[in-house]
Amino acid sequence: MRGDEAMLRAPMVSATQQTSRIRQRKARREGTVRKRYERAHGTPKFPVHLPGYDPSAPDAPKTATQSTAAQTDAKK
């Protein structure tokens, strides 16, 4: 009788593969309301330069005018 046979289950995967998939699923689901809100309304404002920022410090990022001047000096 074919109608009485039990349904076959999907083959088992390794615990690592299963854990990885669960973590990926949770990461996708985490913060969906916040992510949707930020996509619609933009991210919150934050200060670009913190108090005490020194643009002339040696480790300060170069501005566009400084980088083009350095490139023209290097070409000469």
C-alpha atoms as a PDB file:
ATOM      1  CA  MET A   1       0.000   0.000   0.000  1.00  0.00           C
ATOM      2  CA  ARG A   2       1.625   3.174  -1.160  1.00  0.00           C
ATOM      3  CA  GLY A   3      -0.668   5.551   0.719  1.00  0.00           C
ATOM      4  CA  ASP A   4       0.510   4.327   4.139  1.00  0.00           C
ATOM      5  CA  GLU A   5       4.212   5.093   3.577  1.00  0.00           C
ATOM      6  CA  ALA A   6       5.748   7.784   5.758  1.00  0.00           C
ATOM      7  CA  MET A   7       6.849  10.995   4.100  1.00  0.00           C
ATOM      8  CA  LEU A   8      10.580  11.245   3.580  1.00  0.00           C
ATOM      9  CA  ARG A   9      12.401  14.034   5.390  1.00  0.00           C
ATOM     10  CA  ALA A  10      15.023  16.280   3.853  1.00  0.00           C
ATOM     11  CA  PRO A  11      18.578  15.030   4.324  1.00  0.00           C
ATOM     12  CA  MET A  12      20.394  16.281   7.409  1.00  0.00           C
ATOM     13  CA  VAL A  13      23.112  18.884   6.996  1.00  0.00           C
ATOM     14  CA  SER A  14      26.153  19.362   9.177  1.00  0.00           C
ATOM     15  CA  ALA A  15      25.779  21.248  12.441  1.00  0.00           C
ATOM     16  CA  THR A  16      28.188  23.927  11.156  1.00  0.00           C
ATOM     17  CA  GLN A  17      26.164  24.495   8.012  1.00  0.00           C
ATOM     18  CA  GLN A  18      22.928  24.632   9.971  1.00  0.00           C
ATOM     19  CA  THR A  19      24.400  27.061  12.526  1.00  0.00           C
ATOM     20  CA  SER A  20      25.780  29.284   9.765  1.00  0.00           C
ATOM     21  CA  ARG A  21      22.413  29.442   8.049  1.00  0.00           C
ATOM     22  CA  ILE A  22      20.624  30.236  11.304  1.00  0.00           C
ATOM     23  CA  ARG A  23      23.106  33.041  12.073  1.00  0.00           C
ATOM     24  CA  GLN A  24      22.728  34.498   8.585  1.00  0.00           C
ATOM     25  CA  ARG A  25      18.935  34.406   8.899  1.00  0.00           C
ATOM     26  CA  LYS A  26      19.047  36.126  12.285  1.00  0.00           C
ATOM     27  CA  ALA A  27      21.462  38.787  11.007  1.00  0.00           C
ATOM     28  CA  ARG A  28      19.129  39.554   8.107  1.00  0.00           C
ATOM     29  CA  ARG A  29      16.133  39.828  10.400  1.00  0.00           C
ATOM     30  CA  GLU A  30      17.894  41.827  13.128  1.00  0.00           C
ATOM     31  CA  GLY A  31      16.937  45.497  13.118  1.00  0.00           C
ATOM     32  CA  THR A  32      14.618  45.397  10.127  1.00  0.00           C
ATOM     33  CA  VAL A  33      12.337  48.086  11.593  1.00  0.00           C
ATOM     34  CA  ARG A  34      15.319  50.360  12.334  1.00  0.00           C
ATOM     35  CA  LYS A  35      16.907  49.693   8.935  1.00  0.00           C
ATOM     36  CA  ARG A  36      13.643  50.412   7.133  1.00  0.00           C
ATOM     37  CA  TYR A  37      13.222  53.663   9.083  1.00  0.00           C
ATOM     38  CA  GLU A  38      16.788  54.787   8.325  1.00  0.00           C
ATOM     39  CA  ARG A  39      16.385  54.029   4.636  1.00  0.00           C
ATOM     40  CA  ALA A  40      13.234  56.146   4.549  1.00  0.00           C
ATOM     41  CA  HIS A  41      14.423  59.016   6.758  1.00  0.00           C
ATOM     42  CA  GLY A  42      18.208  58.982   6.484  1.00  0.00           C
ATOM     43  CA  THR A  43      20.741  58.263   9.177  1.00  0.00           C
ATOM     44  CA  PRO A  44      20.928  60.490  12.264  1.00  0.00           C
ATOM     45  CA  LYS A  45      23.173  63.543  12.197  1.00  0.00           C
ATOM     46  CA  PHE A  46      26.528  63.238  13.908  1.00  0.00           C
ATOM     47  CA  PRO A  47      29.521  65.580  14.138  1.00  0.00           C
ATOM     48  CA  VAL A  48      32.019  65.148  11.328  1.00  0.00           C
ATOM     49  CA  HIS A  49      34.855  66.621  13.374  1.00  0.00           C
ATOM     50  CA  LEU A  50      34.891  66.079  17.102  1.00  0.00           C
ATOM     51  CA  PRO A  51      35.944  68.850  19.489  1.00  0.00           C
ATOM     52  CA  GLY A  52      39.726  69.110  19.555  1.00  0.00           C
ATOM     53  CA  TYR A  53      40.097  68.170  15.862  1.00  0.00           C
ATOM     54  CA  ASP A  54      43.203  69.729  14.343  1.00  0.00           C
ATOM     55  CA  PRO A  55      43.161  69.890  10.513  1.00  0.00           C
ATOM     56  CA  SER A  56      46.891  70.663  10.466  1.00  0.00           C
ATOM     57  CA  ALA A  57      47.797  67.519  12.432  1.00  0.00           C
ATOM     58  CA  PRO A  58      50.118  65.107  10.585  1.00  0.00           C
ATOM     59  CA  ASP A  59      47.544  62.312  10.676  1.00  0.00           C
ATOM     60  CA  ALA A  60      44.636  64.517   9.512  1.00  0.00           C
ATOM     61  CA  PRO A  61      43.030  63.443   6.223  1.00  0.00           C
ATOM     62  CA  LYS A  62      44.130  65.445   3.210  1.00  0.00           C
ATOM     63  CA  THR A  63      41.594  67.812   1.634  1.00  0.00           C
ATOM     64  CA  ALA A  64      40.904  67.843  -2.091  1.00  0.00           C
ATOM     65  CA  THR A  65      43.025  70.964  -2.657  1.00  0.00           C
ATOM     66  CA  GLN A  66      45.982  69.527  -0.719  1.00  0.00           C
ATOM     67  CA  SER A  67      45.893  66.232  -2.617  1.00  0.00           C
ATOM     68  CA  THR A  68      45.742  67.915  -6.069  1.00  0.00           C
ATOM     69  CA  ALA A  69      48.602  70.248  -5.106  1.00  0.00           C
ATOM     70  CA  ALA A  70      50.680  67.277  -4.013  1.00  0.00           C
ATOM     71  CA  GLN A  71      49.967  65.499  -7.305  1.00  0.00           C
ATOM     72  CA  THR A  72      51.007  68.503  -9.403  1.00  0.00           C
ATOM     73  CA  ASP A  73      54.197  68.891  -7.345  1.00  0.00           C
ATOM     74  CA  ALA A  74      55.030  65.238  -7.898  1.00  0.00           C
ATOM     75  CA  LYS A  75      54.589  65.581 -11.682  1.00  0.00           C
ATOM     76  CA  LYS A  76      57.074  68.468 -11.920  1.00  0.00           C
END
